[in-house]
């Protein structure tokens, strides 16, 4: 058993790993994923934004990866977030 194994399958089998994060960041860099941006308001958390925008609170890590931010749920107001328009495109890359 791996001591630090924290991989997690979410919605449709998306696998949350460091490799998945790197893949998503490269895809953003090369324009392979359509994104829209939102500006975080006071009191908003990534999991709440993920639920509202993507329909799954567990997809917060996708927003974090595409927004080049760390793993904190709470971020300061004014933080610009990149939201994928289509989760199927994300799944095609990291599913």
PDB file of N, CA and C in Angstrom:
ATOM      1  N   UNK A   1       0.837  -1.180   0.000  1.00  0.00           N
ATOM      2  CA  UNK A   1       0.000   0.000   0.000  1.00  0.00           C
ATOM      3  C   UNK A   1       0.884   1.247   0.000  1.00  0.00           C
ATOM      4  N   UNK A   2       0.533   2.204  -0.844  1.00  0.00           N
ATOM      5  CA  UNK A   2       1.315   3.423  -0.911  1.00  0.00           C
ATOM      6  C   UNK A   2       0.941   4.346   0.245  1.00  0.00           C
ATOM      7  N   UNK A   3       1.940   4.816   0.920  1.00  0.00           N
ATOM      8  CA  UNK A   3       1.710   5.639   2.093  1.00  0.00           C
ATOM      9  C   UNK A   3       1.043   6.969   1.759  1.00  0.00           C
ATOM     10  N   UNK A   4       1.423   7.579   0.636  1.00  0.00           N
ATOM     11  CA  UNK A   4       0.921   8.905   0.304  1.00  0.00           C
ATOM     12  C   UNK A   4      -0.046   8.898  -0.874  1.00  0.00           C
ATOM     13  N   UNK A   5      -0.634   7.786  -1.153  1.00  0.00           N
ATOM     14  CA  UNK A   5      -1.558   7.706  -2.279  1.00  0.00           C
ATOM     15  C   UNK A   5      -2.828   8.478  -1.930  1.00  0.00           C
ATOM     16  N   UNK A   6      -3.078   9.543  -2.685  1.00  0.00           N
ATOM     17  CA  UNK A   6      -4.250  10.362  -2.439  1.00  0.00           C
ATOM     18  C   UNK A   6      -5.065  10.552  -3.712  1.00  0.00           C
ATOM     19  N   UNK A   7      -4.843   9.717  -4.705  1.00  0.00           N
ATOM     20  CA  UNK A   7      -5.594   9.827  -5.941  1.00  0.00           C
ATOM     21  C   UNK A   7      -7.078   9.634  -5.642  1.00  0.00           C
ATOM     22  N   UNK A   8      -7.915  10.366  -6.349  1.00  0.00           N
ATOM     23  CA  UNK A   8      -9.335  10.280  -6.091  1.00  0.00           C
ATOM     24  C   UNK A   8     -10.081  10.317  -7.415  1.00  0.00           C
ATOM     25  N   UNK A   9     -10.946   9.350  -7.619  1.00  0.00           N
ATOM     26  CA  UNK A   9     -11.788   9.360  -8.813  1.00  0.00           C
ATOM     27  C   UNK A   9     -13.035  10.179  -8.514  1.00  0.00           C
ATOM     28  N   UNK A  10     -13.350  11.075  -9.436  1.00  0.00           N
ATOM     29  CA  UNK A  10     -14.547  11.877  -9.289  1.00  0.00           C
ATOM     30  C   UNK A  10     -15.338  11.826 -10.577  1.00  0.00           C
ATOM     31  N   UNK A  11     -16.532  12.326 -10.557  1.00  0.00           N
ATOM     32  CA  UNK A  11     -17.451  12.467 -11.682  1.00  0.00           C
ATOM     33  C   UNK A  11     -16.964  11.852 -12.983  1.00  0.00           C
ATOM     34  N   UNK A  12     -17.533  10.777 -13.351  1.00  0.00           N
ATOM     35  CA  UNK A  12     -17.208  10.141 -14.615  1.00  0.00           C
ATOM     36  C   UNK A  12     -15.841   9.483 -14.628  1.00  0.00           C
ATOM     37  N   UNK A  13     -15.235   9.298 -13.466  1.00  0.00           N
ATOM     38  CA  UNK A  13     -13.960   8.620 -13.410  1.00  0.00           C
ATOM     39  C   UNK A  13     -12.742   9.507 -13.543  1.00  0.00           C
ATOM     40  N   UNK A  14     -12.901  10.836 -13.478  1.00  0.00           N
ATOM     41  CA  UNK A  14     -11.735  11.718 -13.550  1.00  0.00           C
ATOM     42  C   UNK A  14     -10.797  11.419 -12.388  1.00  0.00           C
ATOM     43  N   UNK A  15      -9.531  11.293 -12.685  1.00  0.00           N
ATOM     44  CA  UNK A  15      -8.554  10.929 -11.673  1.00  0.00           C
ATOM     45  C   UNK A  15      -7.737  12.146 -11.262  1.00  0.00           C
ATOM     46  N   UNK A  16      -7.858  12.511  -9.997  1.00  0.00           N
ATOM     47  CA  UNK A  16      -7.162  13.666  -9.447  1.00  0.00           C
ATOM     48  C   UNK A  16      -5.759  13.249  -9.023  1.00  0.00           C
ATOM     49  N   UNK A  17      -4.761  13.591  -9.817  1.00  0.00           N
ATOM     50  CA  UNK A  17      -3.369  13.281  -9.507  1.00  0.00           C
ATOM     51  C   UNK A  17      -2.501  14.466  -9.899  1.00  0.00           C
ATOM     52  N   UNK A  18      -1.261  14.458  -9.456  1.00  0.00           N
ATOM     53  CA  UNK A  18      -0.310  15.492  -9.867  1.00  0.00           C
ATOM     54  C   UNK A  18      -0.110  15.447 -11.374  1.00  0.00           C
ATOM     55  N   UNK A  19      -0.139  14.259 -11.950  1.00  0.00           N
ATOM     56  CA  UNK A  19       0.003  14.117 -13.403  1.00  0.00           C
ATOM     57  C   UNK A  19      -1.198  14.742 -14.120  1.00  0.00           C
ATOM     58  N   UNK A  20      -2.394  14.562 -13.591  1.00  0.00           N
ATOM     59  CA  UNK A  20      -3.588  15.163 -14.179  1.00  0.00           C
ATOM     60  C   UNK A  20      -3.499  16.679 -14.161  1.00  0.00           C
ATOM     61  N   UNK A  21      -3.012  17.220 -13.056  1.00  0.00           N
ATOM     62  CA  UNK A  21      -2.852  18.670 -12.937  1.00  0.00           C
ATOM     63  C   UNK A  21      -1.881  19.174 -14.003  1.00  0.00           C
ATOM     64  N   UNK A  22      -0.773  18.502 -14.172  1.00  0.00           N
ATOM     65  CA  UNK A  22       0.217  18.908 -15.179  1.00  0.00           C
ATOM     66  C   UNK A  22      -0.381  18.842 -16.584  1.00  0.00           C
ATOM     67  N   UNK A  23      -1.157  17.812 -16.862  1.00  0.00           N
ATOM     68  CA  UNK A  23      -1.794  17.667 -18.171  1.00  0.00           C
ATOM     69  C   UNK A  23      -2.754  18.828 -18.421  1.00  0.00           C
ATOM     70  N   UNK A  24      -3.563  19.159 -17.411  1.00  0.00           N
ATOM     71  CA  UNK A  24      -4.514  20.253 -17.567  1.00  0.00           C
ATOM     72  C   UNK A  24      -3.811  21.592 -17.768  1.00  0.00           C
ATOM     73  N   UNK A  25      -2.741  21.817 -17.037  1.00  0.00           N
ATOM     74  CA  UNK A  25      -2.016  23.083 -17.192  1.00  0.00           C
ATOM     75  C   UNK A  25      -1.381  23.198 -18.576  1.00  0.00           C
ATOM     76  N   UNK A  26      -0.858  22.100 -19.099  1.00  0.00           N
ATOM     77  CA  UNK A  26      -0.309  22.116 -20.466  1.00  0.00           C
ATOM     78  C   UNK A  26      -1.413  22.336 -21.494  1.00  0.00           C
ATOM     79  N   UNK A  27      -2.549  21.694 -21.287  1.00  0.00           N
ATOM     80  CA  UNK A  27      -3.670  21.860 -22.210  1.00  0.00           C
ATOM     81  C   UNK A  27      -4.132  23.311 -22.240  1.00  0.00           C
ATOM     82  N   UNK A  28      -4.161  23.950 -21.089  1.00  0.00           N
ATOM     83  CA  UNK A  28      -4.524  25.369 -21.029  1.00  0.00           C
ATOM     84  C   UNK A  28      -3.492  26.200 -21.782  1.00  0.00           C
ATOM     85  N   UNK A  29      -2.247  25.923 -21.548  1.00  0.00           N
ATOM     86  CA  UNK A  29      -1.159  26.667 -22.184  1.00  0.00           C
ATOM     87  C   UNK A  29      -1.253  26.611 -23.710  1.00  0.00           C
ATOM     88  N   UNK A  30      -1.637  25.460 -24.249  1.00  0.00           N
ATOM     89  CA  UNK A  30      -1.704  25.279 -25.691  1.00  0.00           C
ATOM     90  C   UNK A  30      -3.111  25.486 -26.267  1.00  0.00           C
ATOM     91  N   UNK A  31      -4.038  25.947 -25.415  1.00  0.00           N
ATOM     92  CA  UNK A  31      -5.382  26.257 -25.894  1.00  0.00           C
ATOM     93  C   UNK A  31      -6.219  25.054 -26.270  1.00  0.00           C
ATOM     94  N   UNK A  32      -5.985  23.925 -25.628  1.00  0.00           N
ATOM     95  CA  UNK A  32      -6.705  22.700 -25.945  1.00  0.00           C
ATOM     96  C   UNK A  32      -8.034  22.565 -25.189  1.00  0.00           C
ATOM     97  N   UNK A  33      -8.263  23.447 -24.225  1.00  0.00           N
ATOM     98  CA  UNK A  33      -9.496  23.429 -23.444  1.00  0.00           C
ATOM     99  C   UNK A  33     -10.123  24.816 -23.523  1.00  0.00           C
ATOM    100  N   UNK A  34     -11.409  24.868 -23.827  1.00  0.00           N
ATOM    101  CA  UNK A  34     -12.126  26.149 -23.830  1.00  0.00           C
ATOM    102  C   UNK A  34     -12.436  26.531 -22.388  1.00  0.00           C
ATOM    103  N   UNK A  35     -12.094  27.749 -22.038  1.00  0.00           N
ATOM    104  CA  UNK A  35     -12.262  28.223 -20.670  1.00  0.00           C
ATOM    105  C   UNK A  35     -13.007  29.556 -20.643  1.00  0.00           C
ATOM    106  N   UNK A  36     -13.588  29.811 -19.514  1.00  0.00           N
ATOM    107  CA  UNK A  36     -14.107  31.142 -19.225  1.00  0.00           C
ATOM    108  C   UNK A  36     -13.555  31.534 -17.868  1.00  0.00           C
ATOM    109  N   UNK A  37     -13.539  32.795 -17.585  1.00  0.00           N
ATOM    110  CA  UNK A  37     -12.988  33.233 -16.303  1.00  0.00           C
ATOM    111  C   UNK A  37     -14.080  33.869 -15.451  1.00  0.00           C
ATOM    112  N   UNK A  38     -13.897  33.705 -14.152  1.00  0.00           N
ATOM    113  CA  UNK A  38     -14.740  34.406 -13.183  1.00  0.00           C
ATOM    114  C   UNK A  38     -13.814  34.986 -12.130  1.00  0.00           C
ATOM    115  N   UNK A  39     -14.304  36.001 -11.450  1.00  0.00           N
ATOM    116  CA  UNK A  39     -13.548  36.619 -10.367  1.00  0.00           C
ATOM    117  C   UNK A  39     -14.204  36.219  -9.057  1.00  0.00           C
ATOM    118  N   UNK A  40     -13.401  35.692  -8.163  1.00  0.00           N
ATOM    119  CA  UNK A  40     -13.899  35.192  -6.886  1.00  0.00           C
ATOM    120  C   UNK A  40     -14.377  36.347  -6.012  1.00  0.00           C
ATOM    121  N   UNK A  41     -15.535  36.171  -5.420  1.00  0.00           N
ATOM    122  CA  UNK A  41     -16.089  37.155  -4.487  1.00  0.00           C
ATOM    123  C   UNK A  41     -15.732  36.777  -3.059  1.00  0.00           C
ATOM    124  N   UNK A  42     -15.927  37.699  -2.152  1.00  0.00           N
ATOM    125  CA  UNK A  42     -15.645  37.448  -0.734  1.00  0.00           C
ATOM    126  C   UNK A  42     -16.490  36.279  -0.234  1.00  0.00           C
ATOM    127  N   UNK A  43     -15.838  35.362   0.461  1.00  0.00           N
ATOM    128  CA  UNK A  43     -16.527  34.240   1.076  1.00  0.00           C
ATOM    129  C   UNK A  43     -16.738  33.034   0.166  1.00  0.00           C
ATOM    130  N   UNK A  44     -16.393  33.128  -1.104  1.00  0.00           N
ATOM    131  CA  UNK A  44     -16.563  31.980  -1.995  1.00  0.00           C
ATOM    132  C   UNK A  44     -15.416  30.992  -1.801  1.00  0.00           C
ATOM    133  N   UNK A  45     -15.736  29.713  -1.946  1.00  0.00           N
ATOM    134  CA  UNK A  45     -14.740  28.648  -1.865  1.00  0.00           C
ATOM    135  C   UNK A  45     -14.729  27.883  -3.171  1.00  0.00           C
ATOM    136  N   UNK A  46     -13.586  27.249  -3.454  1.00  0.00           N
ATOM    137  CA  UNK A  46     -13.460  26.518  -4.712  1.00  0.00           C
ATOM    138  C   UNK A  46     -14.481  25.405  -4.860  1.00  0.00           C
ATOM    139  N   UNK A  47     -14.761  24.675  -3.804  1.00  0.00           N
ATOM    140  CA  UNK A  47     -15.731  23.591  -3.924  1.00  0.00           C
ATOM    141  C   UNK A  47     -17.134  24.124  -4.217  1.00  0.00           C
ATOM    142  N   UNK A  48     -17.465  25.277  -3.652  1.00  0.00           N
ATOM    143  CA  UNK A  48     -18.769  25.884  -3.931  1.00  0.00           C
ATOM    144  C   UNK A  48     -18.841  26.380  -5.376  1.00  0.00           C
ATOM    145  N   UNK A  49     -17.755  26.979  -5.842  1.00  0.00           N
ATOM    146  CA  UNK A  49     -17.693  27.434  -7.234  1.00  0.00           C
ATOM    147  C   UNK A  49     -17.795  26.238  -8.178  1.00  0.00           C
ATOM    148  N   UNK A  50     -17.094  25.155  -7.852  1.00  0.00           N
ATOM    149  CA  UNK A  50     -17.139  23.952  -8.695  1.00  0.00           C
ATOM    150  C   UNK A  50     -18.556  23.392  -8.781  1.00  0.00           C
ATOM    151  N   UNK A  51     -19.262  23.406  -7.680  1.00  0.00           N
ATOM    152  CA  UNK A  51     -20.642  22.919  -7.692  1.00  0.00           C
ATOM    153  C   UNK A  51     -21.526  23.815  -8.548  1.00  0.00           C
ATOM    154  N   UNK A  52     -21.394  25.116  -8.351  1.00  0.00           N
ATOM    155  CA  UNK A  52     -22.230  26.064  -9.094  1.00  0.00           C
ATOM    156  C   UNK A  52     -21.922  26.047 -10.589  1.00  0.00           C
ATOM    157  N   UNK A  53     -20.647  26.011 -10.932  1.00  0.00           N
ATOM    158  CA  UNK A  53     -20.245  26.146 -12.336  1.00  0.00           C
ATOM    159  C   UNK A  53     -20.166  24.814 -13.087  1.00  0.00           C
ATOM    160  N   UNK A  54     -19.818  23.738 -12.373  1.00  0.00           N
ATOM    161  CA  UNK A  54     -19.600  22.450 -13.035  1.00  0.00           C
ATOM    162  C   UNK A  54     -20.556  21.355 -12.571  1.00  0.00           C
ATOM    163  N   UNK A  55     -21.317  21.633 -11.508  1.00  0.00           N
ATOM    164  CA  UNK A  55     -22.267  20.655 -11.022  1.00  0.00           C
ATOM    165  C   UNK A  55     -21.672  19.591 -10.120  1.00  0.00           C
ATOM    166  N   UNK A  56     -20.410  19.767  -9.707  1.00  0.00           N
ATOM    167  CA  UNK A  56     -19.743  18.773  -8.863  1.00  0.00           C
ATOM    168  C   UNK A  56     -18.738  19.466  -7.951  1.00  0.00           C
ATOM    169  N   UNK A  57     -18.983  19.469  -6.646  1.00  0.00           N
ATOM    170  CA  UNK A  57     -18.049  20.143  -5.740  1.00  0.00           C
ATOM    171  C   UNK A  57     -16.662  19.494  -5.709  1.00  0.00           C
ATOM    172  N   UNK A  58     -16.591  18.221  -6.088  1.00  0.00           N
ATOM    173  CA  UNK A  58     -15.306  17.523  -6.091  1.00  0.00           C
ATOM    174  C   UNK A  58     -14.410  17.938  -7.250  1.00  0.00           C
ATOM    175  N   UNK A  59     -14.956  18.699  -8.178  1.00  0.00           N
ATOM    176  CA  UNK A  59     -14.184  19.163  -9.342  1.00  0.00           C
ATOM    177  C   UNK A  59     -13.398  20.436  -9.025  1.00  0.00           C
ATOM    178  N   UNK A  60     -13.311  20.799  -7.752  1.00  0.00           N
ATOM    179  CA  UNK A  60     -12.586  22.018  -7.371  1.00  0.00           C
ATOM    180  C   UNK A  60     -11.134  21.965  -7.820  1.00  0.00           C
ATOM    181  N   UNK A  61     -10.530  20.781  -7.809  1.00  0.00           N
ATOM    182  CA  UNK A  61      -9.118  20.660  -8.170  1.00  0.00           C
ATOM    183  C   UNK A  61      -8.887  20.976  -9.640  1.00  0.00           C
ATOM    184  N   UNK A  62      -9.896  20.761 -10.480  1.00  0.00           N
ATOM    185  CA  UNK A  62      -9.783  21.098 -11.899  1.00  0.00           C
ATOM    186  C   UNK A  62      -9.668  22.615 -12.050  1.00  0.00           C
ATOM    187  N   UNK A  63     -10.521  23.328 -11.325  1.00  0.00           N
ATOM    188  CA  UNK A  63     -10.465  24.795 -11.353  1.00  0.00           C
ATOM    189  C   UNK A  63      -9.133  25.282 -10.799  1.00  0.00           C
ATOM    190  N   UNK A  64      -8.670  24.669  -9.708  1.00  0.00           N
ATOM    191  CA  UNK A  64      -7.379  25.057  -9.121  1.00  0.00           C
ATOM    192  C   UNK A  64      -6.244  24.831 -10.116  1.00  0.00           C
ATOM    193  N   UNK A  65      -6.255  23.684 -10.782  1.00  0.00           N
ATOM    194  CA  UNK A  65      -5.194  23.376 -11.746  1.00  0.00           C
ATOM    195  C   UNK A  65      -5.200  24.344 -12.911  1.00  0.00           C
ATOM    196  N   UNK A  66      -6.373  24.612 -13.459  1.00  0.00           N
ATOM    197  CA  UNK A  66      -6.468  25.495 -14.615  1.00  0.00           C
ATOM    198  C   UNK A  66      -6.244  26.959 -14.261  1.00  0.00           C
ATOM    199  N   UNK A  67      -6.388  27.284 -12.972  1.00  0.00           N
ATOM    200  CA  UNK A  67      -6.186  28.664 -12.515  1.00  0.00           C
ATOM    201  C   UNK A  67      -4.779  28.887 -11.971  1.00  0.00           C
ATOM    202  N   UNK A  68      -3.940  27.848 -12.014  1.00  0.00           N
ATOM    203  CA  UNK A  68      -2.561  27.922 -11.509  1.00  0.00           C
ATOM    204  C   UNK A  68      -2.492  28.375 -10.061  1.00  0.00           C
ATOM    205  N   UNK A  69      -3.368  27.784  -9.243  1.00  0.00           N
ATOM    206  CA  UNK A  69      -3.338  28.085  -7.816  1.00  0.00           C
ATOM    207  C   UNK A  69      -3.107  26.792  -7.054  1.00  0.00           C
ATOM    208  N   UNK A  70      -2.850  26.918  -5.765  1.00  0.00           N
ATOM    209  CA  UNK A  70      -2.570  25.745  -4.937  1.00  0.00           C
ATOM    210  C   UNK A  70      -3.837  24.987  -4.590  1.00  0.00           C
ATOM    211  N   UNK A  71      -3.778  24.240  -3.510  1.00  0.00           N
ATOM    212  CA  UNK A  71      -4.858  23.336  -3.145  1.00  0.00           C
ATOM    213  C   UNK A  71      -5.771  23.868  -2.056  1.00  0.00           C
ATOM    214  N   UNK A  72      -5.696  25.152  -1.750  1.00  0.00           N
ATOM    215  CA  UNK A  72      -6.567  25.728  -0.727  1.00  0.00           C
ATOM    216  C   UNK A  72      -7.978  25.922  -1.235  1.00  0.00           C
ATOM    217  N   UNK A  73      -8.953  25.664  -0.400  1.00  0.00           N
ATOM    218  CA  UNK A  73     -10.348  25.867  -0.789  1.00  0.00           C
ATOM    219  C   UNK A  73     -10.734  27.333  -0.724  1.00  0.00           C
ATOM    220  N   UNK A  74     -10.162  28.051   0.252  1.00  0.00           N
ATOM    221  CA  UNK A  74     -10.513  29.449   0.420  1.00  0.00           C
ATOM    222  C   UNK A  74      -9.411  30.315  -0.171  1.00  0.00           C
ATOM    223  N   UNK A  75      -9.826  31.243  -1.017  1.00  0.00           N
ATOM    224  CA  UNK A  75      -8.898  32.138  -1.695  1.00  0.00           C
ATOM    225  C   UNK A  75      -9.359  33.572  -1.486  1.00  0.00           C
ATOM    226  N   UNK A  76      -8.454  34.524  -1.649  1.00  0.00           N
ATOM    227  CA  UNK A  76      -8.860  35.912  -1.430  1.00  0.00           C
ATOM    228  C   UNK A  76      -9.813  36.402  -2.528  1.00  0.00           C
ATOM    229  N   UNK A  77     -10.700  37.328  -2.174  1.00  0.00           N
ATOM    230  CA  UNK A  77     -11.569  37.924  -3.185  1.00  0.00           C
ATOM    231  C   UNK A  77     -10.712  38.564  -4.279  1.00  0.00           C
ATOM    232  N   UNK A  78     -11.216  38.500  -5.502  1.00  0.00           N
ATOM    233  CA  UNK A  78     -10.483  39.056  -6.622  1.00  0.00           C
ATOM    234  C   UNK A  78      -9.624  38.046  -7.363  1.00  0.00           C
ATOM    235  N   UNK A  79      -9.493  36.842  -6.812  1.00  0.00           N
ATOM    236  CA  UNK A  79      -8.739  35.790  -7.493  1.00  0.00           C
ATOM    237  C   UNK A  79      -9.464  35.432  -8.797  1.00  0.00           C
ATOM    238  N   UNK A  80      -8.721  35.389  -9.883  1.00  0.00           N
ATOM    239  CA  UNK A  80      -9.304  35.058 -11.181  1.00  0.00           C
ATOM    240  C   UNK A  80      -9.229  33.544 -11.374  1.00  0.00           C
ATOM    241  N   UNK A  81     -10.377  32.946 -11.635  1.00  0.00           N
ATOM    242  CA  UNK A  81     -10.467  31.496 -11.816  1.00  0.00           C
ATOM    243  C   UNK A  81     -10.770  31.158 -13.265  1.00  0.00           C
ATOM    244  N   UNK A  82     -10.136  30.114 -13.758  1.00  0.00           N
ATOM    245  CA  UNK A  82     -10.405  29.588 -15.095  1.00  0.00           C
ATOM    246  C   UNK A  82     -11.312  28.374 -14.953  1.00  0.00           C
ATOM    247  N   UNK A  83     -12.467  28.448 -15.608  1.00  0.00           N
ATOM    248  CA  UNK A  83     -13.474  27.389 -15.515  1.00  0.00           C
ATOM    249  C   UNK A  83     -13.600  26.716 -16.875  1.00  0.00           C
ATOM    250  N   UNK A  84     -13.471  25.388 -16.947  1.00  0.00           N
ATOM    251  CA  UNK A  84     -13.662  24.723 -18.238  1.00  0.00           C
ATOM    252  C   UNK A  84     -15.120  24.830 -18.676  1.00  0.00           C
ATOM    253  N   UNK A  85     -15.315  25.071 -19.944  1.00  0.00           N
ATOM    254  CA  UNK A  85     -16.666  25.180 -20.478  1.00  0.00           C
ATOM    255  C   UNK A  85     -17.303  23.798 -20.592  1.00  0.00           C
ATOM    256  N   UNK A  86     -16.493  22.795 -20.860  1.00  0.00           N
ATOM    257  CA  UNK A  86     -16.997  21.452 -21.092  1.00  0.00           C
ATOM    258  C   UNK A  86     -16.146  20.431 -20.338  1.00  0.00           C
ATOM    259  N   UNK A  87     -16.730  19.759 -19.375  1.00  0.00           N
ATOM    260  CA  UNK A  87     -15.986  18.759 -18.610  1.00  0.00           C
ATOM    261  C   UNK A  87     -15.614  17.540 -19.472  1.00  0.00           C
ATOM    262  N   UNK A  88     -16.314  17.327 -20.566  1.00  0.00           N
ATOM    263  CA  UNK A  88     -15.950  16.211 -21.445  1.00  0.00           C
ATOM    264  C   UNK A  88     -14.560  16.400 -22.009  1.00  0.00           C
ATOM    265  N   UNK A  89     -14.173  17.644 -22.295  1.00  0.00           N
ATOM    266  CA  UNK A  89     -12.823  17.926 -22.789  1.00  0.00           C
ATOM    267  C   UNK A  89     -11.784  17.604 -21.723  1.00  0.00           C
ATOM    268  N   UNK A  90     -12.108  17.902 -20.475  1.00  0.00           N
ATOM    269  CA  UNK A  90     -11.223  17.576 -19.357  1.00  0.00           C
ATOM    270  C   UNK A  90     -11.113  16.062 -19.227  1.00  0.00           C
ATOM    271  N   UNK A  91     -12.250  15.387 -19.301  1.00  0.00           N
ATOM    272  CA  UNK A  91     -12.243  13.924 -19.174  1.00  0.00           C
ATOM    273  C   UNK A  91     -11.430  13.279 -20.289  1.00  0.00           C
ATOM    274  N   UNK A  92     -11.491  13.826 -21.484  1.00  0.00           N
ATOM    275  CA  UNK A  92     -10.732  13.270 -22.607  1.00  0.00           C
ATOM    276  C   UNK A  92      -9.228  13.346 -22.349  1.00  0.00           C
ATOM    277  N   UNK A  93      -8.814  14.308 -21.566  1.00  0.00           N
ATOM    278  CA  UNK A  93      -7.393  14.472 -21.274  1.00  0.00           C
ATOM    279  C   UNK A  93      -6.920  13.668 -20.068  1.00  0.00           C
ATOM    280  N   UNK A  94      -7.748  13.611 -19.034  1.00  0.00           N
ATOM    281  CA  UNK A  94      -7.295  12.988 -17.781  1.00  0.00           C
ATOM    282  C   UNK A  94      -8.181  11.855 -17.296  1.00  0.00           C
ATOM    283  N   UNK A  95      -9.180  11.480 -18.061  1.00  0.00           N
ATOM    284  CA  UNK A  95     -10.142  10.473 -17.624  1.00  0.00           C
ATOM    285  C   UNK A  95      -9.609   9.074 -17.595  1.00  0.00           C
TER     286      UNK A  95
END
